[in-house]
C-alpha atoms as a PDB file:
ATOM      1  CA  UNK A   1      -9.150  22.143  12.364  1.00  0.00           C
ATOM      2  CA  UNK A   2      -7.640  18.619  10.978  1.00  0.00           C
ATOM      3  CA  UNK A   3      -7.188  18.426   7.492  1.00  0.00           C
ATOM      4  CA  UNK A   4      -8.985  15.681   5.795  1.00  0.00           C
ATOM      5  CA  UNK A   5      -7.619  13.619   2.623  1.00  0.00           C
ATOM      6  CA  UNK A   6      -9.331  12.709  -0.497  1.00  0.00           C
ATOM      7  CA  UNK A   7      -8.605   9.307  -1.099  1.00  0.00           C
ATOM      8  CA  UNK A   8      -9.659   9.298  -4.668  1.00  0.00           C
ATOM      9  CA  UNK A   9      -7.209  11.921  -5.363  1.00  0.00           C
ATOM     10  CA  UNK A  10      -4.409   9.619  -3.473  1.00  0.00           C
ATOM     11  CA  UNK A  11      -5.633   6.732  -5.663  1.00  0.00           C
ATOM     12  CA  UNK A  12      -3.022   7.333  -8.224  1.00  0.00           C
ATOM     13  CA  UNK A  13       0.064   6.930  -5.735  1.00  0.00           C
ATOM     14  CA  UNK A  14      -1.757   3.909  -3.604  1.00  0.00           C
ATOM     15  CA  UNK A  15      -1.600   0.835  -4.128  1.00  0.00           C
ATOM     16  CA  UNK A  16      -4.793  -1.120  -4.184  1.00  0.00           C
ATOM     17  CA  UNK A  17      -4.449  -5.018  -4.206  1.00  0.00           C
ATOM     18  CA  UNK A  18      -7.373  -7.734  -3.672  1.00  0.00           C
ATOM     19  CA  UNK A  19      -6.626 -10.614  -2.106  1.00  0.00           C
ATOM     20  CA  UNK A  20      -8.406 -14.176  -2.678  1.00  0.00           C
ATOM     21  CA  UNK A  21      -9.462 -16.623  -4.442  1.00  0.00           C
ATOM     22  CA  UNK A  22     -10.427 -16.179  -8.157  1.00  0.00           C
ATOM     23  CA  UNK A  23     -13.561 -18.925  -7.968  1.00  0.00           C
ATOM     24  CA  UNK A  24     -15.099 -17.487  -5.250  1.00  0.00           C
ATOM     25  CA  UNK A  25     -18.608 -15.565  -5.920  1.00  0.00           C
ATOM     26  CA  UNK A  26     -17.688 -13.052  -3.627  1.00  0.00           C
ATOM     27  CA  UNK A  27     -14.327 -12.621  -4.917  1.00  0.00           C
ATOM     28  CA  UNK A  28     -16.212 -11.598  -8.735  1.00  0.00           C
ATOM     29  CA  UNK A  29     -18.308  -9.416  -7.042  1.00  0.00           C
ATOM     30  CA  UNK A  30     -15.876  -7.311  -5.744  1.00  0.00           C
ATOM     31  CA  UNK A  31     -13.655  -7.674  -8.701  1.00  0.00           C
ATOM     32  CA  UNK A  32     -16.761  -6.582 -10.940  1.00  0.00           C
ATOM     33  CA  UNK A  33     -17.498  -3.558  -8.054  1.00  0.00           C
ATOM     34  CA  UNK A  34     -13.961  -2.289  -8.434  1.00  0.00           C
ATOM     35  CA  UNK A  35     -14.011  -2.386 -12.458  1.00  0.00           C
ATOM     36  CA  UNK A  36     -17.114  -0.801 -12.882  1.00  0.00           C
ATOM     37  CA  UNK A  37     -15.998   2.089 -10.512  1.00  0.00           C
ATOM     38  CA  UNK A  38     -12.371   2.464 -12.356  1.00  0.00           C
ATOM     39  CA  UNK A  39     -10.442   1.256  -9.348  1.00  0.00           C
ATOM     40  CA  UNK A  40      -6.879   0.035 -10.703  1.00  0.00           C
ATOM     41  CA  UNK A  41      -5.693  -2.939  -8.548  1.00  0.00           C
ATOM     42  CA  UNK A  42      -3.656  -5.736  -8.442  1.00  0.00           C
ATOM     43  CA  UNK A  43      -5.465  -9.380  -7.838  1.00  0.00           C
ATOM     44  CA  UNK A  44      -3.160 -11.575  -5.429  1.00  0.00           C
ATOM     45  CA  UNK A  45      -4.820 -15.148  -6.144  1.00  0.00           C
ATOM     46  CA  UNK A  46      -3.766 -17.520  -2.961  1.00  0.00           C
ATOM     47  CA  UNK A  47      -4.256 -20.314  -5.119  1.00  0.00           C
ATOM     48  CA  UNK A  48      -1.082 -19.127  -7.107  1.00  0.00           C
ATOM     49  CA  UNK A  49       0.793 -17.038  -4.996  1.00  0.00           C
ATOM     50  CA  UNK A  50       0.152 -18.378  -1.719  1.00  0.00           C
ATOM     51  CA  UNK A  51       0.064 -16.196   1.148  1.00  0.00           C
ATOM     52  CA  UNK A  52       2.762 -16.281   4.101  1.00  0.00           C
ATOM     53  CA  UNK A  53       2.956 -16.220   7.583  1.00  0.00           C
ATOM     54  CA  UNK A  54       4.510 -12.942   8.267  1.00  0.00           C
ATOM     55  CA  UNK A  55       1.396 -11.284   6.160  1.00  0.00           C
ATOM     56  CA  UNK A  56      -1.142 -12.986   7.588  1.00  0.00           C
ATOM     57  CA  UNK A  57       0.342 -11.610  11.069  1.00  0.00           C
ATOM     58  CA  UNK A  58       0.737  -8.203  10.153  1.00  0.00           C
ATOM     59  CA  UNK A  59      -3.110  -8.170   8.768  1.00  0.00           C
ATOM     60  CA  UNK A  60      -3.788  -9.644  12.552  1.00  0.00           C
ATOM     61  CA  UNK A  61      -2.295  -7.007  13.875  1.00  0.00           C
ATOM     62  CA  UNK A  62      -4.883  -4.733  12.363  1.00  0.00           C
ATOM     63  CA  UNK A  63      -7.888  -6.537  12.132  1.00  0.00           C
ATOM     64  CA  UNK A  64      -7.482  -9.534  14.541  1.00  0.00           C
ATOM     65  CA  UNK A  65      -7.304 -13.131  13.402  1.00  0.00           C
ATOM     66  CA  UNK A  66     -11.145 -13.869  14.517  1.00  0.00           C
ATOM     67  CA  UNK A  67     -11.759 -11.155  11.408  1.00  0.00           C
ATOM     68  CA  UNK A  68      -9.466 -12.935   8.929  1.00  0.00           C
ATOM     69  CA  UNK A  69     -10.597 -16.624   9.828  1.00  0.00           C
ATOM     70  CA  UNK A  70     -13.473 -17.353   7.729  1.00  0.00           C
ATOM     71  CA  UNK A  71     -15.197 -20.109   9.892  1.00  0.00           C
ATOM     72  CA  UNK A  72     -18.264 -20.408   7.657  1.00  0.00           C
ATOM     73  CA  UNK A  73     -16.273 -21.628   5.056  1.00  0.00           C
ATOM     74  CA  UNK A  74     -16.867 -25.256   3.653  1.00  0.00           C
ATOM     75  CA  UNK A  75     -12.645 -25.659   4.416  1.00  0.00           C
ATOM     76  CA  UNK A  76     -12.824 -24.837   7.990  1.00  0.00           C
ATOM     77  CA  UNK A  77     -15.909 -26.607   9.060  1.00  0.00           C
ATOM     78  CA  UNK A  78     -14.209 -29.705   7.492  1.00  0.00           C
ATOM     79  CA  UNK A  79     -11.241 -29.454  10.146  1.00  0.00           C
ATOM     80  CA  UNK A  80     -11.319 -31.989  12.670  1.00  0.00           C
ATOM     81  CA  UNK A  81     -12.875 -30.756  15.829  1.00  0.00           C
ATOM     82  CA  UNK A  82      -9.473 -30.854  17.618  1.00  0.00           C
ATOM     83  CA  UNK A  83      -8.249 -28.561  14.844  1.00  0.00           C
ATOM     84  CA  UNK A  84     -10.858 -25.999  15.719  1.00  0.00           C
ATOM     85  CA  UNK A  85     -11.028 -26.360  19.497  1.00  0.00           C
ATOM     86  CA  UNK A  86      -8.863 -23.439  21.913  1.00  0.00           C
ATOM     87  CA  UNK A  87      -7.683 -21.707  18.638  1.00  0.00           C
ATOM     88  CA  UNK A  88      -5.439 -18.618  18.921  1.00  0.00           C
ATOM     89  CA  UNK A  89      -4.355 -16.136  17.023  1.00  0.00           C
ATOM     90  CA  UNK A  90      -0.607 -18.599  16.262  1.00  0.00           C
ATOM     91  CA  UNK A  91      -2.878 -21.526  15.481  1.00  0.00           C
ATOM     92  CA  UNK A  92      -5.214 -20.042  13.021  1.00  0.00           C
ATOM     93  CA  UNK A  93      -2.675 -18.121  11.225  1.00  0.00           C
ATOM     94  CA  UNK A  94      -0.949 -21.461  10.606  1.00  0.00           C
ATOM     95  CA  UNK A  95      -4.191 -22.794   9.360  1.00  0.00           C
ATOM     96  CA  UNK A  96      -4.437 -19.984   7.309  1.00  0.00           C
ATOM     97  CA  UNK A  97      -0.868 -20.158   5.738  1.00  0.00           C
ATOM     98  CA  UNK A  98      -1.250 -23.770   5.229  1.00  0.00           C
ATOM     99  CA  UNK A  99      -4.780 -23.292   3.693  1.00  0.00           C
ATOM    100  CA  UNK A 100      -5.784 -19.819   2.520  1.00  0.00           C
ATOM    101  CA  UNK A 101      -9.395 -20.934   1.918  1.00  0.00           C
ATOM    102  CA  UNK A 102      -9.756 -20.490   5.599  1.00  0.00           C
ATOM    103  CA  UNK A 103      -9.382 -16.763   5.000  1.00  0.00           C
ATOM    104  CA  UNK A 104     -12.713 -14.874   4.438  1.00  0.00           C
ATOM    105  CA  UNK A 105     -12.326 -12.970   1.131  1.00  0.00           C
ATOM    106  CA  UNK A 106     -11.324 -11.004   0.135  1.00  0.00           C
ATOM    107  CA  UNK A 107      -9.085  -8.604   1.967  1.00  0.00           C
ATOM    108  CA  UNK A 108      -8.599  -5.471   0.019  1.00  0.00           C
ATOM    109  CA  UNK A 109      -5.382  -3.390   0.990  1.00  0.00           C
ATOM    110  CA  UNK A 110      -5.632   0.452   0.207  1.00  0.00           C
ATOM    111  CA  UNK A 111      -2.442   1.455   0.924  1.00  0.00           C
ATOM    112  CA  UNK A 112      -2.221  -0.106   4.210  1.00  0.00           C
ATOM    113  CA  UNK A 113      -6.123   0.364   5.250  1.00  0.00           C
ATOM    114  CA  UNK A 114      -7.504  -3.349   5.289  1.00  0.00           C
ATOM    115  CA  UNK A 115     -10.707  -4.276   4.532  1.00  0.00           C
ATOM    116  CA  UNK A 116     -12.133  -7.971   5.058  1.00  0.00           C
ATOM    117  CA  UNK A 117     -14.876  -9.228   3.697  1.00  0.00           C
ATOM    118  CA  UNK A 118     -16.830  -7.034   0.476  1.00  0.00           C
ATOM    119  CA  UNK A 119     -19.310  -4.912   1.004  1.00  0.00           C
ATOM    120  CA  UNK A 120     -20.170  -2.113  -2.321  1.00  0.00           C
ATOM    121  CA  UNK A 121     -20.717   0.490   1.155  1.00  0.00           C
ATOM    122  CA  UNK A 122     -17.558  -0.134   2.760  1.00  0.00           C
ATOM    123  CA  UNK A 123     -16.024   0.091  -0.294  1.00  0.00           C
ATOM    124  CA  UNK A 124     -17.471   3.481  -1.392  1.00  0.00           C
ATOM    125  CA  UNK A 125     -16.673   4.667   1.825  1.00  0.00           C
ATOM    126  CA  UNK A 126     -12.657   3.863   1.596  1.00  0.00           C
ATOM    127  CA  UNK A 127     -12.588   4.481  -1.768  1.00  0.00           C
ATOM    128  CA  UNK A 128     -13.829   7.695  -2.278  1.00  0.00           C
END
């Protein structure tokens, strides 16, 4: 029989980091949810602290660069068609590192487990 680990029991030893942009409405919902559920977390604001390509590459290895890239956002939609064409991982990571508004928000890192986008159900499942 496989042993299961209750993440709530591990949370005091697990680092929880929420990545995003302070003014984003989805970020506000995610922060409110975490606060209401008593989850201690560090907030990493891309606008203040930036994000390096190495971290984006590590995230892409876990969730895929296509998941990280926010194609629906204004910043991406305003790109020239030539910049949007033939995207691959290297080009997408360079774009996201240069303009973090192109990263889908939020990214929640729970001790190495990544959730991209906000869903109360997914947060509850990952943090129980």
